[in-house]
Amino acid sequence: MNDFLPDIRFIDALVYLISTLKNLLNINKNTIDQAIEEFIDNLPKFIQSELKRLG
């Protein structure tokens, strides 16, 4: 049996795990960004304009 085969499988699994974690972080960041945008959209207009001025 090839001794390198288990290492390749481990590396493939590790790459897949890291890729999946990166995707989860991006999804969560996008969800947070959307929630913040919705919150700001529901603030009074004068507060929105001040936030835009500061940002």
PDB file of N, CA and C in Angstrom:
ATOM      1  N   MET A   1       0.846  -1.192   0.000  1.00  0.00           N
ATOM      2  CA  MET A   1       0.000   0.000   0.000  1.00  0.00           C
ATOM      3  C   MET A   1       0.884   1.246   0.000  1.00  0.00           C
ATOM      4  N   ASN A   2       0.411   2.286  -0.609  1.00  0.00           N
ATOM      5  CA  ASN A   2       1.160   3.532  -0.712  1.00  0.00           C
ATOM      6  C   ASN A   2       1.112   4.277   0.619  1.00  0.00           C
ATOM      7  N   ASP A   3       2.288   4.606   1.154  1.00  0.00           N
ATOM      8  CA  ASP A   3       2.349   5.308   2.442  1.00  0.00           C
ATOM      9  C   ASP A   3       1.888   6.758   2.329  1.00  0.00           C
ATOM     10  N   PHE A   4       1.925   7.341   1.139  1.00  0.00           N
ATOM     11  CA  PHE A   4       1.575   8.747   0.981  1.00  0.00           C
ATOM     12  C   PHE A   4       0.077   8.983   0.846  1.00  0.00           C
ATOM     13  N   LEU A   5      -0.673   7.962   0.571  1.00  0.00           N
ATOM     14  CA  LEU A   5      -2.112   8.117   0.377  1.00  0.00           C
ATOM     15  C   LEU A   5      -2.827   8.722   1.589  1.00  0.00           C
ATOM     16  N   PRO A   6      -2.560   8.269   2.823  1.00  0.00           N
ATOM     17  CA  PRO A   6      -3.234   8.903   3.969  1.00  0.00           C
ATOM     18  C   PRO A   6      -2.908  10.391   4.108  1.00  0.00           C
ATOM     19  N   ASP A   7      -1.663  10.803   3.776  1.00  0.00           N
ATOM     20  CA  ASP A   7      -1.298  12.215   3.853  1.00  0.00           C
ATOM     21  C   ASP A   7      -2.086  13.046   2.849  1.00  0.00           C
ATOM     22  N   ILE A   8      -2.257  12.540   1.659  1.00  0.00           N
ATOM     23  CA  ILE A   8      -3.018  13.260   0.642  1.00  0.00           C
ATOM     24  C   ILE A   8      -4.465  13.421   1.099  1.00  0.00           C
ATOM     25  N   ARG A   9      -5.033  12.392   1.630  1.00  0.00           N
ATOM     26  CA  ARG A   9      -6.414  12.486   2.114  1.00  0.00           C
ATOM     27  C   ARG A   9      -6.527  13.490   3.258  1.00  0.00           C
ATOM     28  N   PHE A  10      -5.552  13.481   4.154  1.00  0.00           N
ATOM     29  CA  PHE A  10      -5.574  14.431   5.266  1.00  0.00           C
ATOM     30  C   PHE A  10      -5.470  15.862   4.739  1.00  0.00           C
ATOM     31  N   ILE A  11      -4.559  16.090   3.806  1.00  0.00           N
ATOM     32  CA  ILE A  11      -4.378  17.435   3.253  1.00  0.00           C
ATOM     33  C   ILE A  11      -5.640  17.889   2.527  1.00  0.00           C
ATOM     34  N   ASP A  12      -6.245  16.993   1.748  1.00  0.00           N
ATOM     35  CA  ASP A  12      -7.494  17.343   1.066  1.00  0.00           C
ATOM     36  C   ASP A  12      -8.590  17.699   2.067  1.00  0.00           C
ATOM     37  N   ALA A  13      -8.673  16.929   3.136  1.00  0.00           N
ATOM     38  CA  ALA A  13      -9.678  17.207   4.167  1.00  0.00           C
ATOM     39  C   ALA A  13      -9.397  18.538   4.852  1.00  0.00           C
ATOM     40  N   LEU A  14      -8.125  18.823   5.099  1.00  0.00           N
ATOM     41  CA  LEU A  14      -7.755  20.078   5.748  1.00  0.00           C
ATOM     42  C   LEU A  14      -8.082  21.275   4.851  1.00  0.00           C
ATOM     43  N   VAL A  15      -7.778  21.163   3.565  1.00  0.00           N
ATOM     44  CA  VAL A  15      -8.104  22.236   2.621  1.00  0.00           C
ATOM     45  C   VAL A  15      -9.613  22.454   2.568  1.00  0.00           C
ATOM     46  N   TYR A  16     -10.362  21.366   2.527  1.00  0.00           N
ATOM     47  CA  TYR A  16     -11.827  21.472   2.502  1.00  0.00           C
ATOM     48  C   TYR A  16     -12.348  22.145   3.773  1.00  0.00           C
ATOM     49  N   LEU A  17     -11.799  21.765   4.926  1.00  0.00           N
ATOM     50  CA  LEU A  17     -12.224  22.354   6.200  1.00  0.00           C
ATOM     51  C   LEU A  17     -11.944  23.851   6.228  1.00  0.00           C
ATOM     52  N   ILE A  18     -10.759  24.244   5.822  1.00  0.00           N
ATOM     53  CA  ILE A  18     -10.401  25.663   5.822  1.00  0.00           C
ATOM     54  C   ILE A  18     -11.283  26.441   4.850  1.00  0.00           C
ATOM     55  N   SER A  19     -11.522  25.874   3.685  1.00  0.00           N
ATOM     56  CA  SER A  19     -12.389  26.524   2.698  1.00  0.00           C
ATOM     57  C   SER A  19     -13.805  26.709   3.239  1.00  0.00           C
ATOM     58  N   THR A  20     -14.324  25.685   3.893  1.00  0.00           N
ATOM     59  CA  THR A  20     -15.669  25.759   4.466  1.00  0.00           C
ATOM     60  C   THR A  20     -15.743  26.815   5.562  1.00  0.00           C
ATOM     61  N   LEU A  21     -14.736  26.873   6.417  1.00  0.00           N
ATOM     62  CA  LEU A  21     -14.718  27.878   7.484  1.00  0.00           C
ATOM     63  C   LEU A  21     -14.662  29.293   6.911  1.00  0.00           C
ATOM     64  N   LYS A  22     -13.871  29.487   5.854  1.00  0.00           N
ATOM     65  CA  LYS A  22     -13.813  30.809   5.219  1.00  0.00           C
ATOM     66  C   LYS A  22     -15.179  31.207   4.672  1.00  0.00           C
ATOM     67  N   ASN A  23     -15.869  30.261   4.041  1.00  0.00           N
ATOM     68  CA  ASN A  23     -17.202  30.554   3.506  1.00  0.00           C
ATOM     69  C   ASN A  23     -18.184  30.899   4.617  1.00  0.00           C
ATOM     70  N   LEU A  24     -18.111  30.195   5.740  1.00  0.00           N
ATOM     71  CA  LEU A  24     -18.997  30.499   6.870  1.00  0.00           C
ATOM     72  C   LEU A  24     -18.732  31.895   7.406  1.00  0.00           C
ATOM     73  N   LEU A  25     -17.479  32.279   7.495  1.00  0.00           N
ATOM     74  CA  LEU A  25     -17.147  33.621   7.978  1.00  0.00           C
ATOM     75  C   LEU A  25     -17.687  34.678   7.031  1.00  0.00           C
ATOM     76  N   ASN A  26     -17.583  34.451   5.738  1.00  0.00           N
ATOM     77  CA  ASN A  26     -18.111  35.415   4.766  1.00  0.00           C
ATOM     78  C   ASN A  26     -19.622  35.520   4.854  1.00  0.00           C
ATOM     79  N   ILE A  27     -20.296  34.399   5.029  1.00  0.00           N
ATOM     80  CA  ILE A  27     -21.753  34.421   5.149  1.00  0.00           C
ATOM     81  C   ILE A  27     -22.155  35.216   6.387  1.00  0.00           C
ATOM     82  N   ASN A  28     -21.478  34.969   7.502  1.00  0.00           N
ATOM     83  CA  ASN A  28     -21.810  35.688   8.732  1.00  0.00           C
ATOM     84  C   ASN A  28     -21.529  37.176   8.600  1.00  0.00           C
ATOM     85  N   LYS A  29     -20.428  37.531   7.956  1.00  0.00           N
ATOM     86  CA  LYS A  29     -20.107  38.941   7.763  1.00  0.00           C
ATOM     87  C   LYS A  29     -21.172  39.607   6.902  1.00  0.00           C
ATOM     88  N   ASN A  30     -21.593  38.936   5.848  1.00  0.00           N
ATOM     89  CA  ASN A  30     -22.637  39.500   4.988  1.00  0.00           C
ATOM     90  C   ASN A  30     -23.948  39.652   5.740  1.00  0.00           C
ATOM     91  N   THR A  31     -24.286  38.694   6.576  1.00  0.00           N
ATOM     92  CA  THR A  31     -25.513  38.765   7.367  1.00  0.00           C
ATOM     93  C   THR A  31     -25.458  39.941   8.330  1.00  0.00           C
ATOM     94  N   ILE A  32     -24.317  40.130   8.962  1.00  0.00           N
ATOM     95  CA  ILE A  32     -24.147  41.253   9.891  1.00  0.00           C
ATOM     96  C   ILE A  32     -24.247  42.575   9.138  1.00  0.00           C
ATOM     97  N   ASP A  33     -23.597  42.664   7.985  1.00  0.00           N
ATOM     98  CA  ASP A  33     -23.658  43.890   7.183  1.00  0.00           C
ATOM     99  C   ASP A  33     -25.094  44.224   6.788  1.00  0.00           C
ATOM    100  N   GLN A  34     -25.852  43.221   6.391  1.00  0.00           N
ATOM    101  CA  GLN A  34     -27.253  43.445   6.017  1.00  0.00           C
ATOM    102  C   GLN A  34     -28.073  43.922   7.207  1.00  0.00           C
ATOM    103  N   ALA A  35     -27.840  43.332   8.373  1.00  0.00           N
ATOM    104  CA  ALA A  35     -28.587  43.736   9.566  1.00  0.00           C
ATOM    105  C   ALA A  35     -28.274  45.184   9.929  1.00  0.00           C
ATOM    106  N   ILE A  36     -27.017  45.576   9.822  1.00  0.00           N
ATOM    107  CA  ILE A  36     -26.630  46.954  10.131  1.00  0.00           C
ATOM    108  C   ILE A  36     -27.263  47.920   9.135  1.00  0.00           C
ATOM    109  N   GLU A  37     -27.249  47.559   7.859  1.00  0.00           N
ATOM    110  CA  GLU A  37     -27.869  48.417   6.842  1.00  0.00           C
ATOM    111  C   GLU A  37     -29.360  48.596   7.099  1.00  0.00           C
ATOM    112  N   GLU A  38     -30.043  47.523   7.448  1.00  0.00           N
ATOM    113  CA  GLU A  38     -31.478  47.616   7.746  1.00  0.00           C
ATOM    114  C   GLU A  38     -31.720  48.487   8.971  1.00  0.00           C
ATOM    115  N   PHE A  39     -30.879  48.350   9.986  1.00  0.00           N
ATOM    116  CA  PHE A  39     -31.002  49.162  11.193  1.00  0.00           C
ATOM    117  C   PHE A  39     -30.850  50.642  10.847  1.00  0.00           C
ATOM    118  N   ILE A  40     -29.820  50.963  10.082  1.00  0.00           N
ATOM    119  CA  ILE A  40     -29.575  52.357   9.709  1.00  0.00           C
ATOM    120  C   ILE A  40     -30.715  52.896   8.853  1.00  0.00           C
ATOM    121  N   ASP A  41     -31.240  52.070   7.963  1.00  0.00           N
ATOM    122  CA  ASP A  41     -32.356  52.500   7.112  1.00  0.00           C
ATOM    123  C   ASP A  41     -33.604  52.847   7.918  1.00  0.00           C
ATOM    124  N   ASN A  42     -33.740  52.292   9.110  1.00  0.00           N
ATOM    125  CA  ASN A  42     -34.919  52.552   9.937  1.00  0.00           C
ATOM    126  C   ASN A  42     -34.706  53.665  10.960  1.00  0.00           C
ATOM    127  N   LEU A  43     -33.520  54.236  10.982  1.00  0.00           N
ATOM    128  CA  LEU A  43     -33.266  55.370  11.872  1.00  0.00           C
ATOM    129  C   LEU A  43     -33.904  56.628  11.289  1.00  0.00           C
ATOM    130  N   PRO A  44     -34.149  57.628  12.144  1.00  0.00           N
ATOM    131  CA  PRO A  44     -34.642  58.907  11.626  1.00  0.00           C
ATOM    132  C   PRO A  44     -33.653  59.485  10.600  1.00  0.00           C
ATOM    133  N   LYS A  45     -34.187  60.214   9.647  1.00  0.00           N
ATOM    134  CA  LYS A  45     -33.376  60.734   8.533  1.00  0.00           C
ATOM    135  C   LYS A  45     -32.221  61.611   9.002  1.00  0.00           C
ATOM    136  N   PHE A  46     -32.442  62.419  10.041  1.00  0.00           N
ATOM    137  CA  PHE A  46     -31.362  63.301  10.487  1.00  0.00           C
ATOM    138  C   PHE A  46     -30.196  62.500  11.070  1.00  0.00           C
ATOM    139  N   ILE A  47     -30.487  61.376  11.698  1.00  0.00           N
ATOM    140  CA  ILE A  47     -29.412  60.519  12.213  1.00  0.00           C
ATOM    141  C   ILE A  47     -28.696  59.832  11.047  1.00  0.00           C
ATOM    142  N   GLN A  48     -29.456  59.401  10.051  1.00  0.00           N
ATOM    143  CA  GLN A  48     -28.848  58.782   8.870  1.00  0.00           C
ATOM    144  C   GLN A  48     -27.885  59.749   8.180  1.00  0.00           C
ATOM    145  N   SER A  49     -28.318  60.990   8.054  1.00  0.00           N
ATOM    146  CA  SER A  49     -27.457  61.967   7.377  1.00  0.00           C
ATOM    147  C   SER A  49     -26.194  62.247   8.184  1.00  0.00           C
ATOM    148  N   GLU A  50     -26.303  62.270   9.510  1.00  0.00           N
ATOM    149  CA  GLU A  50     -25.113  62.461  10.347  1.00  0.00           C
ATOM    150  C   GLU A  50     -24.155  61.274  10.230  1.00  0.00           C
ATOM    151  N   LEU A  51     -24.708  60.074  10.194  1.00  0.00           N
ATOM    152  CA  LEU A  51     -23.866  58.887  10.039  1.00  0.00           C
ATOM    153  C   LEU A  51     -23.150  58.894   8.691  1.00  0.00           C
ATOM    154  N   LYS A  52     -23.849  59.313   7.645  1.00  0.00           N
ATOM    155  CA  LYS A  52     -23.224  59.399   6.322  1.00  0.00           C
ATOM    156  C   LYS A  52     -22.126  60.454   6.317  1.00  0.00           C
ATOM    157  N   ARG A  53     -22.379  61.560   7.018  1.00  0.00           N
ATOM    158  CA  ARG A  53     -21.387  62.635   7.082  1.00  0.00           C
ATOM    159  C   ARG A  53     -20.127  62.158   7.795  1.00  0.00           C
ATOM    160  N   LEU A  54     -20.309  61.367   8.858  1.00  0.00           N
ATOM    161  CA  LEU A  54     -19.170  60.868   9.625  1.00  0.00           C
ATOM    162  C   LEU A  54     -18.442  59.725   8.916  1.00  0.00           C
ATOM    163  N   GLY A  55     -19.194  58.946   8.136  1.00  0.00           N
ATOM    164  CA  GLY A  55     -18.623  57.753   7.506  1.00  0.00           C
ATOM    165  C   GLY A  55     -17.919  58.049   6.264  1.00  0.00           C
TER     166      GLY A  55
END
